[in-house]
N, C-alpha and C. Protein backbone atom coordinates (compact mmCIF):
# COMPACT_ATOMS: atom_id res chain seq x y z
N MET A 1 13.96 -16.26 -11.46
CA MET A 1 13.92 -14.93 -10.92
C MET A 1 12.46 -14.49 -10.84
N PRO A 2 12.00 -14.03 -9.66
CA PRO A 2 10.62 -13.54 -9.55
C PRO A 2 10.39 -12.30 -10.40
N VAL A 3 9.20 -12.24 -10.98
CA VAL A 3 8.84 -11.11 -11.83
C VAL A 3 7.54 -10.51 -11.31
N GLY A 4 7.53 -9.18 -11.18
CA GLY A 4 6.33 -8.49 -10.71
C GLY A 4 6.06 -7.25 -11.54
N THR A 5 4.99 -6.59 -11.16
CA THR A 5 4.64 -5.33 -11.81
C THR A 5 4.23 -4.34 -10.75
N ALA A 6 4.48 -3.07 -11.02
CA ALA A 6 4.09 -2.00 -10.11
C ALA A 6 3.33 -0.95 -10.90
N GLY A 7 2.47 -0.23 -10.20
CA GLY A 7 1.75 0.84 -10.88
C GLY A 7 0.80 1.55 -9.95
N HIS A 8 0.45 2.75 -10.31
CA HIS A 8 -0.46 3.56 -9.50
C HIS A 8 -1.92 3.17 -9.70
N SER A 9 -2.27 2.62 -10.83
CA SER A 9 -3.66 2.35 -11.15
C SER A 9 -4.04 0.91 -10.83
N PRO A 10 -5.03 0.71 -9.96
CA PRO A 10 -5.49 -0.66 -9.69
C PRO A 10 -6.01 -1.34 -10.96
N GLN A 11 -6.58 -0.57 -11.87
CA GLN A 11 -7.10 -1.14 -13.10
C GLN A 11 -5.98 -1.78 -13.94
N ALA A 12 -4.79 -1.20 -13.89
CA ALA A 12 -3.67 -1.79 -14.63
C ALA A 12 -3.31 -3.16 -14.07
N HIS A 13 -3.37 -3.29 -12.76
CA HIS A 13 -3.08 -4.58 -12.13
C HIS A 13 -4.14 -5.62 -12.49
N LEU A 14 -5.39 -5.20 -12.46
CA LEU A 14 -6.47 -6.12 -12.81
C LEU A 14 -6.39 -6.53 -14.27
N TRP A 15 -6.02 -5.60 -15.13
CA TRP A 15 -5.85 -5.89 -16.55
C TRP A 15 -4.77 -6.95 -16.76
N ALA A 16 -3.60 -6.76 -16.13
CA ALA A 16 -2.50 -7.74 -16.25
C ALA A 16 -2.92 -9.09 -15.68
N TYR A 17 -3.62 -9.05 -14.58
CA TYR A 17 -4.08 -10.30 -13.94
C TYR A 17 -5.08 -11.03 -14.83
N GLU A 18 -6.02 -10.31 -15.41
CA GLU A 18 -7.03 -10.92 -16.27
C GLU A 18 -6.41 -11.47 -17.56
N LEU A 19 -5.31 -10.88 -18.02
CA LEU A 19 -4.62 -11.39 -19.20
C LEU A 19 -3.81 -12.65 -18.86
N ASP A 20 -3.74 -12.96 -17.57
CA ASP A 20 -2.98 -14.10 -17.07
C ASP A 20 -1.50 -13.97 -17.40
N VAL A 21 -0.99 -12.73 -17.33
CA VAL A 21 0.44 -12.50 -17.48
C VAL A 21 1.12 -13.24 -16.33
N PRO A 22 2.15 -14.01 -16.59
CA PRO A 22 2.77 -14.83 -15.54
C PRO A 22 3.61 -14.01 -14.56
N LEU A 23 2.94 -13.24 -13.72
CA LEU A 23 3.61 -12.41 -12.72
C LEU A 23 3.60 -13.13 -11.38
N ASP A 24 4.69 -12.96 -10.64
CA ASP A 24 4.79 -13.57 -9.31
C ASP A 24 4.17 -12.69 -8.24
N PHE A 25 4.15 -11.38 -8.47
CA PHE A 25 3.60 -10.45 -7.47
C PHE A 25 3.20 -9.14 -8.12
N HIS A 26 2.39 -8.37 -7.40
CA HIS A 26 1.94 -7.05 -7.84
C HIS A 26 2.30 -6.04 -6.75
N VAL A 27 2.79 -4.88 -7.15
CA VAL A 27 3.09 -3.78 -6.22
C VAL A 27 2.04 -2.72 -6.48
N VAL A 28 1.06 -2.64 -5.55
CA VAL A 28 -0.15 -1.86 -5.76
C VAL A 28 -0.14 -0.59 -4.90
N CYS A 29 -0.27 0.54 -5.55
CA CYS A 29 -0.31 1.83 -4.86
C CYS A 29 -1.71 2.06 -4.28
N PHE A 30 -1.77 2.49 -3.02
CA PHE A 30 -3.07 2.79 -2.41
C PHE A 30 -3.68 4.06 -2.99
N TYR A 31 -2.87 4.92 -3.56
CA TYR A 31 -3.36 6.17 -4.13
C TYR A 31 -2.92 6.26 -5.58
N ASN A 32 -3.86 6.53 -6.47
CA ASN A 32 -3.57 6.66 -7.89
C ASN A 32 -3.01 8.05 -8.14
N CYS A 33 -1.78 8.26 -7.67
CA CYS A 33 -1.20 9.61 -7.70
C CYS A 33 -0.18 9.79 -8.82
N GLY A 34 -0.18 8.90 -9.78
CA GLY A 34 0.76 9.03 -10.88
C GLY A 34 0.49 10.26 -11.74
N SER A 35 -0.74 10.69 -11.75
CA SER A 35 -1.12 11.91 -12.45
C SER A 35 -2.25 12.56 -11.67
N LEU A 36 -2.48 13.80 -11.89
CA LEU A 36 -3.55 14.50 -11.18
C LEU A 36 -4.91 13.98 -11.62
N HIS A 37 -5.78 13.79 -10.67
CA HIS A 37 -7.14 13.39 -10.99
C HIS A 37 -7.83 14.51 -11.76
N ASP A 38 -8.47 14.17 -12.84
CA ASP A 38 -9.19 15.15 -13.65
C ASP A 38 -8.31 16.32 -14.09
N GLY A 39 -6.99 16.12 -14.12
CA GLY A 39 -6.08 17.16 -14.60
C GLY A 39 -5.83 18.30 -13.64
N LYS A 40 -6.37 18.22 -12.42
CA LYS A 40 -6.15 19.32 -11.47
C LYS A 40 -6.39 18.80 -10.05
N GLY A 41 -5.94 19.59 -9.09
CA GLY A 41 -6.28 19.30 -7.70
C GLY A 41 -5.36 18.33 -7.00
N GLU A 42 -5.82 17.87 -5.86
CA GLU A 42 -5.07 17.00 -4.98
C GLU A 42 -4.85 15.63 -5.62
N LYS A 43 -3.61 15.14 -5.54
CA LYS A 43 -3.30 13.83 -6.11
C LYS A 43 -3.78 12.69 -5.23
N PHE A 44 -3.88 12.92 -3.94
CA PHE A 44 -4.21 11.85 -3.00
C PHE A 44 -5.67 11.97 -2.58
N GLN A 45 -6.52 11.12 -3.15
CA GLN A 45 -7.94 11.18 -2.86
C GLN A 45 -8.38 9.96 -2.07
N GLU A 46 -9.23 10.17 -1.09
CA GLU A 46 -9.66 9.08 -0.22
C GLU A 46 -10.57 8.07 -0.92
N THR A 47 -10.96 8.34 -2.15
CA THR A 47 -11.71 7.34 -2.91
C THR A 47 -10.77 6.30 -3.53
N ASP A 48 -9.47 6.53 -3.47
CA ASP A 48 -8.52 5.62 -4.10
C ASP A 48 -8.24 4.34 -3.30
N PRO A 49 -7.98 4.40 -1.99
CA PRO A 49 -7.63 3.16 -1.28
C PRO A 49 -8.65 2.03 -1.41
N PRO A 50 -9.97 2.29 -1.35
CA PRO A 50 -10.90 1.17 -1.54
C PRO A 50 -10.73 0.48 -2.89
N ARG A 51 -10.41 1.24 -3.92
CA ARG A 51 -10.19 0.64 -5.25
C ARG A 51 -8.94 -0.24 -5.26
N ALA A 52 -7.89 0.25 -4.59
CA ALA A 52 -6.65 -0.53 -4.50
C ALA A 52 -6.89 -1.81 -3.70
N ILE A 53 -7.61 -1.70 -2.59
CA ILE A 53 -7.90 -2.86 -1.76
C ILE A 53 -8.75 -3.87 -2.54
N GLU A 54 -9.71 -3.39 -3.29
CA GLU A 54 -10.54 -4.27 -4.10
C GLU A 54 -9.70 -5.05 -5.11
N ALA A 55 -8.74 -4.37 -5.75
CA ALA A 55 -7.85 -5.04 -6.71
C ALA A 55 -6.98 -6.07 -5.99
N ILE A 56 -6.41 -5.69 -4.87
CA ILE A 56 -5.56 -6.61 -4.10
C ILE A 56 -6.34 -7.87 -3.74
N GLN A 57 -7.59 -7.70 -3.34
CA GLN A 57 -8.41 -8.85 -2.95
C GLN A 57 -8.74 -9.76 -4.15
N GLN A 58 -8.80 -9.20 -5.34
CA GLN A 58 -9.12 -9.99 -6.53
C GLN A 58 -7.92 -10.75 -7.09
N ILE A 59 -6.73 -10.27 -6.79
CA ILE A 59 -5.50 -10.87 -7.33
C ILE A 59 -5.04 -11.97 -6.38
N ASP A 60 -4.96 -13.19 -6.86
CA ASP A 60 -4.59 -14.29 -5.99
C ASP A 60 -3.08 -14.52 -5.91
N ARG A 61 -2.34 -13.51 -6.26
CA ARG A 61 -0.88 -13.54 -6.12
C ARG A 61 -0.48 -12.57 -5.01
N PRO A 62 0.73 -12.73 -4.46
CA PRO A 62 1.15 -11.79 -3.42
C PRO A 62 1.16 -10.34 -3.92
N CYS A 63 0.76 -9.45 -3.03
CA CYS A 63 0.76 -8.02 -3.34
C CYS A 63 1.56 -7.26 -2.29
N ILE A 64 2.19 -6.21 -2.76
CA ILE A 64 2.90 -5.27 -1.89
C ILE A 64 2.15 -3.96 -2.00
N ALA A 65 1.54 -3.52 -0.91
CA ALA A 65 0.81 -2.24 -0.91
C ALA A 65 1.79 -1.12 -0.58
N TYR A 66 1.73 -0.03 -1.33
CA TYR A 66 2.61 1.10 -1.03
C TYR A 66 1.85 2.41 -1.14
N LYS A 67 2.47 3.46 -0.67
CA LYS A 67 1.87 4.80 -0.54
C LYS A 67 0.60 4.74 0.32
N ILE A 68 0.64 3.92 1.37
CA ILE A 68 -0.54 3.76 2.22
C ILE A 68 -0.79 5.02 3.06
N MET A 69 0.23 5.85 3.25
CA MET A 69 0.08 7.06 4.07
C MET A 69 -0.12 8.32 3.25
N ALA A 70 -0.26 8.18 1.94
CA ALA A 70 -0.50 9.32 1.05
C ALA A 70 0.53 10.43 1.27
N ALA A 71 1.80 10.03 1.27
CA ALA A 71 2.90 10.99 1.44
C ALA A 71 2.71 11.85 2.69
N GLY A 72 2.35 11.19 3.79
CA GLY A 72 2.22 11.88 5.07
C GLY A 72 0.88 12.54 5.32
N ARG A 73 -0.06 12.38 4.42
CA ARG A 73 -1.37 13.01 4.59
C ARG A 73 -2.30 12.19 5.49
N VAL A 74 -1.99 10.90 5.66
CA VAL A 74 -2.81 10.02 6.50
C VAL A 74 -1.98 9.64 7.73
N GLU A 75 -2.59 9.72 8.89
CA GLU A 75 -1.90 9.36 10.13
C GLU A 75 -1.42 7.91 10.03
N PRO A 76 -0.21 7.62 10.50
CA PRO A 76 0.34 6.26 10.36
C PRO A 76 -0.57 5.16 10.91
N ARG A 77 -1.13 5.33 12.12
CA ARG A 77 -1.96 4.26 12.68
C ARG A 77 -3.17 4.00 11.78
N VAL A 78 -3.82 5.05 11.30
CA VAL A 78 -4.98 4.90 10.42
C VAL A 78 -4.55 4.18 9.13
N ALA A 79 -3.42 4.58 8.58
CA ALA A 79 -2.94 3.98 7.32
C ALA A 79 -2.60 2.51 7.51
N PHE A 80 -1.85 2.19 8.57
CA PHE A 80 -1.49 0.79 8.80
C PHE A 80 -2.71 -0.06 9.07
N GLU A 81 -3.63 0.42 9.91
CA GLU A 81 -4.83 -0.36 10.21
C GLU A 81 -5.64 -0.63 8.95
N ARG A 82 -5.82 0.40 8.12
CA ARG A 82 -6.58 0.22 6.87
C ARG A 82 -5.86 -0.77 5.95
N ALA A 83 -4.56 -0.62 5.82
CA ALA A 83 -3.81 -1.49 4.92
C ALA A 83 -3.86 -2.94 5.39
N PHE A 84 -3.61 -3.19 6.68
CA PHE A 84 -3.61 -4.56 7.17
C PHE A 84 -5.00 -5.19 7.13
N ALA A 85 -6.03 -4.38 7.27
CA ALA A 85 -7.39 -4.89 7.17
C ALA A 85 -7.74 -5.22 5.71
N GLY A 86 -7.08 -4.55 4.77
CA GLY A 86 -7.44 -4.70 3.35
C GLY A 86 -6.62 -5.69 2.55
N ILE A 87 -5.37 -5.94 2.98
CA ILE A 87 -4.54 -6.86 2.21
C ILE A 87 -4.83 -8.30 2.61
N LYS A 88 -4.34 -9.23 1.81
CA LYS A 88 -4.54 -10.65 2.05
C LYS A 88 -3.44 -11.18 2.96
N PRO A 89 -3.67 -12.33 3.60
CA PRO A 89 -2.57 -12.99 4.33
C PRO A 89 -1.42 -13.25 3.36
N GLY A 90 -0.23 -12.95 3.77
CA GLY A 90 0.94 -13.13 2.91
C GLY A 90 1.31 -11.89 2.13
N ASP A 91 0.42 -10.92 2.04
CA ASP A 91 0.75 -9.64 1.41
C ASP A 91 1.55 -8.80 2.40
N VAL A 92 2.18 -7.76 1.91
CA VAL A 92 2.98 -6.88 2.77
C VAL A 92 2.72 -5.43 2.41
N VAL A 93 3.16 -4.54 3.27
CA VAL A 93 3.14 -3.10 2.97
C VAL A 93 4.57 -2.60 2.91
N ASN A 94 4.76 -1.59 2.11
CA ASN A 94 6.05 -0.93 1.96
C ASN A 94 5.82 0.55 2.22
N VAL A 95 6.49 1.09 3.23
CA VAL A 95 6.29 2.50 3.54
C VAL A 95 7.62 3.24 3.49
N GLY A 96 7.55 4.47 3.05
CA GLY A 96 8.72 5.34 3.07
C GLY A 96 8.68 6.20 4.32
N VAL A 97 9.84 6.66 4.72
CA VAL A 97 9.91 7.52 5.89
C VAL A 97 10.84 8.69 5.60
N TYR A 98 10.59 9.76 6.31
CA TYR A 98 11.48 10.92 6.27
C TYR A 98 11.86 11.22 7.71
N ARG A 99 13.02 10.75 8.11
CA ARG A 99 13.44 10.87 9.50
C ARG A 99 13.70 12.31 9.91
N GLY A 100 13.76 13.22 8.95
CA GLY A 100 13.94 14.62 9.29
C GLY A 100 12.78 15.17 10.10
N ASP A 101 11.61 14.56 9.95
CA ASP A 101 10.45 14.96 10.73
C ASP A 101 10.48 14.40 12.14
N ASN A 102 11.06 13.21 12.29
CA ASN A 102 11.07 12.53 13.58
C ASN A 102 12.15 11.45 13.51
N ASP A 103 13.22 11.63 14.23
CA ASP A 103 14.35 10.71 14.15
C ASP A 103 13.99 9.30 14.63
N ASP A 104 12.93 9.15 15.41
CA ASP A 104 12.51 7.85 15.93
C ASP A 104 11.37 7.24 15.11
N MET A 105 11.11 7.78 13.94
CA MET A 105 9.96 7.38 13.14
C MET A 105 9.96 5.88 12.82
N VAL A 106 11.08 5.33 12.43
CA VAL A 106 11.14 3.92 12.05
C VAL A 106 10.80 3.04 13.24
N GLU A 107 11.41 3.33 14.37
CA GLU A 107 11.15 2.53 15.57
C GLU A 107 9.70 2.66 16.03
N GLU A 108 9.16 3.87 15.97
CA GLU A 108 7.76 4.09 16.37
C GLU A 108 6.80 3.37 15.44
N ASN A 109 7.06 3.42 14.14
CA ASN A 109 6.21 2.72 13.19
C ASN A 109 6.29 1.20 13.40
N ALA A 110 7.49 0.69 13.64
CA ALA A 110 7.65 -0.75 13.86
C ALA A 110 6.88 -1.19 15.11
N GLN A 111 6.96 -0.41 16.17
CA GLN A 111 6.23 -0.73 17.39
C GLN A 111 4.72 -0.67 17.14
N MET A 112 4.28 0.34 16.41
CA MET A 112 2.86 0.48 16.09
C MET A 112 2.35 -0.72 15.29
N VAL A 113 3.13 -1.16 14.31
CA VAL A 113 2.74 -2.31 13.49
C VAL A 113 2.64 -3.56 14.38
N CYS A 114 3.59 -3.74 15.29
CA CYS A 114 3.53 -4.89 16.21
C CYS A 114 2.26 -4.82 17.04
N GLU A 115 1.90 -3.65 17.53
CA GLU A 115 0.68 -3.50 18.32
C GLU A 115 -0.54 -3.82 17.49
N ILE A 116 -0.62 -3.30 16.28
CA ILE A 116 -1.78 -3.52 15.41
C ILE A 116 -1.93 -5.00 15.08
N LEU A 117 -0.82 -5.67 14.80
CA LEU A 117 -0.86 -7.07 14.40
C LEU A 117 -0.85 -8.03 15.59
N GLY A 118 -0.72 -7.48 16.79
CA GLY A 118 -0.72 -8.34 17.98
C GLY A 118 0.56 -9.14 18.13
N ALA A 119 1.65 -8.61 17.58
CA ALA A 119 2.95 -9.28 17.68
C ALA A 119 3.69 -8.76 18.91
N PRO A 120 4.60 -9.56 19.44
CA PRO A 120 5.38 -9.08 20.59
C PRO A 120 6.20 -7.84 20.20
N VAL A 121 6.22 -6.88 21.10
CA VAL A 121 7.00 -5.66 20.88
C VAL A 121 8.35 -5.86 21.54
N GLU A 122 9.39 -5.78 20.74
CA GLU A 122 10.74 -5.95 21.28
C GLU A 122 11.32 -4.57 21.53
N GLY A 123 12.05 -4.45 22.63
CA GLY A 123 12.61 -3.18 23.03
C GLY A 123 13.85 -2.85 22.36
């Protein structure tokens, strides 16, 4: 059975990786939003994704990037482009959607991802 770890802090992933814990994959949050930064203010800070990307690049196991859109604060195209540019081949992204905002959101995101990755767009 595959075993992985998830967490908001890239440092936690690097710590587990450096300990050589026998994990098959890491689920890495682009935003360290598990708690408020400095005890106050906005949970989603633009200084977070580079740290997550740096951790993903250091871990030679598959990674699943999540919260790439900062709970709707980052435009989908910007978020997908940044995520795909930052993850390794074989890594994936996991995104949540709220169709109440746009009933065609899933289809539009799938088409956008195909365009960004240069994959054929199926109708």
